[in-house]
Amino acid sequence: MAPNASARGVTEFVKGAIEFVRYAELAHKAYASEAPGQAVTHLSVCRQIFENIAKAAKSTHVRIGGSLADIERAVVAREHVERVIRRIKEYGDGSLGYLPSFEMISHPKFMPHDQAGWWLVNGWANQ
């Protein structure tokens, strides 16, 4: 419960962040148990979480001048969740000849067929 209107956005963000972590962990466990459909189901909820965070950030901006960057961060986070869902649907069945770990498939630099994750090893990949 927020003590006033100024703190409402922070409360919504914290609530959403905790929910996201919980659903992401459920998705990770489902994916590791070779249940990509369940993983997608858990991650699907996260899209709404980030929409709610974006709405709270917009409302905060209008009411008290909150950060416009927070709105964009929530939009980017939602887009990444959608990207991970798409990846799990495409590659979560082992169609690459191996099953990428959840950490790899959810990483922004995931590249299909890069089993070793060379971007983790080679510093030049970050340039």
C-alpha atoms as a PDB file:
ATOM      1  CA  MET A   1       0.000   0.000   0.000  1.00  0.00           C
ATOM      2  CA  ALA A   2       1.431   3.331  -1.032  1.00  0.00           C
ATOM      3  CA  PRO A   3       1.332   6.102   1.598  1.00  0.00           C
ATOM      4  CA  ASN A   4       0.406   8.690  -1.051  1.00  0.00           C
ATOM      5  CA  ALA A   5      -0.054   9.224  -4.792  1.00  0.00           C
ATOM      6  CA  SER A   6       3.618  10.045  -5.257  1.00  0.00           C
ATOM      7  CA  ALA A   7       4.681   6.626  -3.975  1.00  0.00           C
ATOM      8  CA  ARG A   8       2.063   4.619  -5.881  1.00  0.00           C
ATOM      9  CA  GLY A   9       4.303   4.108  -8.916  1.00  0.00           C
ATOM     10  CA  VAL A  10       7.156   2.821  -6.774  1.00  0.00           C
ATOM     11  CA  THR A  11       4.787   0.392  -5.068  1.00  0.00           C
ATOM     12  CA  GLU A  12       3.513  -0.876  -8.430  1.00  0.00           C
ATOM     13  CA  PHE A  13       7.069  -1.272  -9.708  1.00  0.00           C
ATOM     14  CA  VAL A  14       8.235  -3.250  -6.667  1.00  0.00           C
ATOM     15  CA  LYS A  15       5.152  -5.477  -6.788  1.00  0.00           C
ATOM     16  CA  GLY A  16       5.667  -6.090 -10.517  1.00  0.00           C
ATOM     17  CA  ALA A  17       9.390  -6.754 -10.115  1.00  0.00           C
ATOM     18  CA  ILE A  18       8.729  -9.402  -7.462  1.00  0.00           C
ATOM     19  CA  GLU A  19       6.011 -11.013  -9.580  1.00  0.00           C
ATOM     20  CA  PHE A  20       8.339 -11.052 -12.603  1.00  0.00           C
ATOM     21  CA  VAL A  21      11.109 -12.802 -10.680  1.00  0.00           C
ATOM     22  CA  ARG A  22       8.658 -15.414  -9.417  1.00  0.00           C
ATOM     23  CA  TYR A  23       7.220 -16.136 -12.873  1.00  0.00           C
ATOM     24  CA  ALA A  24      10.662 -16.135 -14.491  1.00  0.00           C
ATOM     25  CA  GLU A  25      11.825 -18.717 -11.957  1.00  0.00           C
ATOM     26  CA  LEU A  26       8.752 -20.871 -12.664  1.00  0.00           C
ATOM     27  CA  ALA A  27       9.477 -20.560 -16.393  1.00  0.00           C
ATOM     28  CA  HIS A  28      13.103 -21.555 -15.807  1.00  0.00           C
ATOM     29  CA  LYS A  29      12.066 -24.644 -13.847  1.00  0.00           C
ATOM     30  CA  ALA A  30       9.487 -25.649 -16.466  1.00  0.00           C
ATOM     31  CA  TYR A  31      11.995 -25.198 -19.287  1.00  0.00           C
ATOM     32  CA  ALA A  32      14.597 -27.248 -17.409  1.00  0.00           C
ATOM     33  CA  SER A  33      11.958 -29.979 -16.959  1.00  0.00           C
ATOM     34  CA  GLU A  34      11.523 -30.052 -20.748  1.00  0.00           C
ATOM     35  CA  ALA A  35       8.113 -28.421 -20.591  1.00  0.00           C
ATOM     36  CA  PRO A  36       8.521 -25.453 -22.970  1.00  0.00           C
ATOM     37  CA  GLY A  37       4.756 -24.896 -23.156  1.00  0.00           C
ATOM     38  CA  GLN A  38       4.573 -24.358 -19.411  1.00  0.00           C
ATOM     39  CA  ALA A  39       7.595 -22.067 -19.570  1.00  0.00           C
ATOM     40  CA  VAL A  40       5.833 -19.959 -22.196  1.00  0.00           C
ATOM     41  CA  THR A  41       2.669 -19.881 -20.078  1.00  0.00           C
ATOM     42  CA  HIS A  42       4.605 -18.527 -17.093  1.00  0.00           C
ATOM     43  CA  LEU A  43       6.403 -15.932 -19.207  1.00  0.00           C
ATOM     44  CA  SER A  44       3.178 -14.823 -20.883  1.00  0.00           C
ATOM     45  CA  VAL A  45       2.024 -13.385 -17.569  1.00  0.00           C
ATOM     46  CA  CYS A  46       5.159 -11.227 -17.528  1.00  0.00           C
ATOM     47  CA  ARG A  47       4.012  -9.289 -20.591  1.00  0.00           C
ATOM     48  CA  GLN A  48       1.084  -7.947 -18.573  1.00  0.00           C
ATOM     49  CA  ILE A  49       3.338  -7.235 -15.608  1.00  0.00           C
ATOM     50  CA  PHE A  50       5.511  -4.960 -17.741  1.00  0.00           C
ATOM     51  CA  GLU A  51       2.454  -3.326 -19.303  1.00  0.00           C
ATOM     52  CA  ASN A  52       1.233  -2.535 -15.790  1.00  0.00           C
ATOM     53  CA  ILE A  53       4.636  -1.141 -14.839  1.00  0.00           C
ATOM     54  CA  ALA A  54       4.623   1.048 -17.972  1.00  0.00           C
ATOM     55  CA  LYS A  55       1.122   2.328 -17.116  1.00  0.00           C
ATOM     56  CA  ALA A  56       2.204   3.125 -13.565  1.00  0.00           C
ATOM     57  CA  ALA A  57       5.278   4.945 -14.875  1.00  0.00           C
ATOM     58  CA  LYS A  58       3.140   6.977 -17.300  1.00  0.00           C
ATOM     59  CA  SER A  59       0.731   7.867 -14.529  1.00  0.00           C
ATOM     60  CA  THR A  60       3.589   8.861 -12.231  1.00  0.00           C
ATOM     61  CA  HIS A  61       5.069  11.030 -14.974  1.00  0.00           C
ATOM     62  CA  VAL A  62       1.759  12.835 -15.462  1.00  0.00           C
ATOM     63  CA  ARG A  63       1.110  13.264 -11.719  1.00  0.00           C
ATOM     64  CA  ILE A  64       4.524  14.204 -10.380  1.00  0.00           C
ATOM     65  CA  GLY A  65       6.975  14.278 -13.299  1.00  0.00           C
ATOM     66  CA  GLY A  66       8.362  10.752 -13.011  1.00  0.00           C
ATOM     67  CA  SER A  67      10.999   9.461 -15.399  1.00  0.00           C
ATOM     68  CA  LEU A  68      10.082   8.976 -19.053  1.00  0.00           C
ATOM     69  CA  ALA A  69      12.963   6.496 -19.257  1.00  0.00           C
ATOM     70  CA  ASP A  70      11.119   4.185 -16.858  1.00  0.00           C
ATOM     71  CA  ILE A  71       8.264   3.925 -19.348  1.00  0.00           C
ATOM     72  CA  GLU A  72      10.703   2.973 -22.105  1.00  0.00           C
ATOM     73  CA  ARG A  73      12.459   0.451 -19.856  1.00  0.00           C
ATOM     74  CA  ALA A  74       9.156  -1.306 -19.197  1.00  0.00           C
ATOM     75  CA  VAL A  75       8.399  -1.387 -22.933  1.00  0.00           C
ATOM     76  CA  VAL A  76      11.843  -2.844 -23.711  1.00  0.00           C
ATOM     77  CA  ALA A  77      11.438  -5.436 -20.939  1.00  0.00           C
ATOM     78  CA  ARG A  78       8.068  -6.495 -22.356  1.00  0.00           C
ATOM     79  CA  GLU A  79       9.580  -6.788 -25.837  1.00  0.00           C
ATOM     80  CA  HIS A  80      12.379  -8.950 -24.453  1.00  0.00           C
ATOM     81  CA  VAL A  81       9.883 -11.243 -22.737  1.00  0.00           C
ATOM     82  CA  GLU A  82       8.114 -11.618 -26.088  1.00  0.00           C
ATOM     83  CA  ARG A  83      11.465 -12.371 -27.761  1.00  0.00           C
ATOM     84  CA  VAL A  84      12.258 -15.080 -25.183  1.00  0.00           C
ATOM     85  CA  ILE A  85       8.790 -16.594 -25.610  1.00  0.00           C
ATOM     86  CA  ARG A  86       9.356 -16.726 -29.370  1.00  0.00           C
ATOM     87  CA  ARG A  87      12.771 -18.345 -28.863  1.00  0.00           C
ATOM     88  CA  ILE A  88      11.371 -20.995 -26.531  1.00  0.00           C
ATOM     89  CA  LYS A  89       8.639 -21.792 -29.045  1.00  0.00           C
ATOM     90  CA  GLU A  90      11.209 -22.065 -31.849  1.00  0.00           C
ATOM     91  CA  TYR A  91      14.098 -23.799 -30.086  1.00  0.00           C
ATOM     92  CA  GLY A  92      12.744 -25.199 -26.811  1.00  0.00           C
ATOM     93  CA  ASP A  93      11.992 -28.521 -28.453  1.00  0.00           C
ATOM     94  CA  GLY A  94      15.631 -29.350 -29.191  1.00  0.00           C
ATOM     95  CA  SER A  95      15.275 -28.517 -32.891  1.00  0.00           C
ATOM     96  CA  LEU A  96      18.793 -27.034 -32.911  1.00  0.00           C
ATOM     97  CA  GLY A  97      20.171 -30.482 -32.109  1.00  0.00           C
ATOM     98  CA  TYR A  98      20.680 -29.453 -28.502  1.00  0.00           C
ATOM     99  CA  LEU A  99      18.592 -27.678 -25.887  1.00  0.00           C
ATOM    100  CA  PRO A 100      19.954 -24.225 -25.045  1.00  0.00           C
ATOM    101  CA  SER A 101      19.991 -23.501 -21.327  1.00  0.00           C
ATOM    102  CA  PHE A 102      17.375 -21.086 -20.060  1.00  0.00           C
ATOM    103  CA  GLU A 103      20.157 -18.618 -19.259  1.00  0.00           C
ATOM    104  CA  MET A 104      21.341 -18.734 -22.864  1.00  0.00           C
ATOM    105  CA  ILE A 105      17.958 -18.649 -24.581  1.00  0.00           C
ATOM    106  CA  SER A 106      16.817 -15.714 -22.443  1.00  0.00           C
ATOM    107  CA  HIS A 107      20.022 -13.698 -22.879  1.00  0.00           C
ATOM    108  CA  PRO A 108      19.799 -10.656 -25.192  1.00  0.00           C
ATOM    109  CA  LYS A 109      22.800 -11.914 -27.198  1.00  0.00           C
ATOM    110  CA  PHE A 110      21.456 -15.427 -27.757  1.00  0.00           C
ATOM    111  CA  MET A 111      22.376 -16.751 -31.179  1.00  0.00           C
ATOM    112  CA  PRO A 112      20.940 -20.032 -32.474  1.00  0.00           C
ATOM    113  CA  HIS A 113      23.597 -22.698 -33.142  1.00  0.00           C
ATOM    114  CA  ASP A 114      26.133 -20.953 -30.881  1.00  0.00           C
ATOM    115  CA  GLN A 115      26.297 -23.802 -28.382  1.00  0.00           C
ATOM    116  CA  ALA A 116      29.364 -22.479 -26.600  1.00  0.00           C
ATOM    117  CA  GLY A 117      28.089 -18.925 -26.257  1.00  0.00           C
ATOM    118  CA  TRP A 118      31.285 -17.445 -27.699  1.00  0.00           C
ATOM    119  CA  TRP A 119      30.026 -13.956 -26.962  1.00  0.00           C
ATOM    120  CA  LEU A 120      30.632 -14.810 -23.295  1.00  0.00           C
ATOM    121  CA  VAL A 121      34.240 -15.819 -23.952  1.00  0.00           C
ATOM    122  CA  ASN A 122      35.409 -13.260 -26.488  1.00  0.00           C
ATOM    123  CA  GLY A 123      35.611  -9.667 -25.328  1.00  0.00           C
ATOM    124  CA  TRP A 124      35.510  -8.412 -28.915  1.00  0.00           C
ATOM    125  CA  ALA A 125      31.909  -9.623 -29.180  1.00  0.00           C
ATOM    126  CA  ASN A 126      30.901  -6.706 -26.948  1.00  0.00           C
ATOM    127  CA  GLN A 127      32.472  -4.075 -29.179  1.00  0.00           C
END
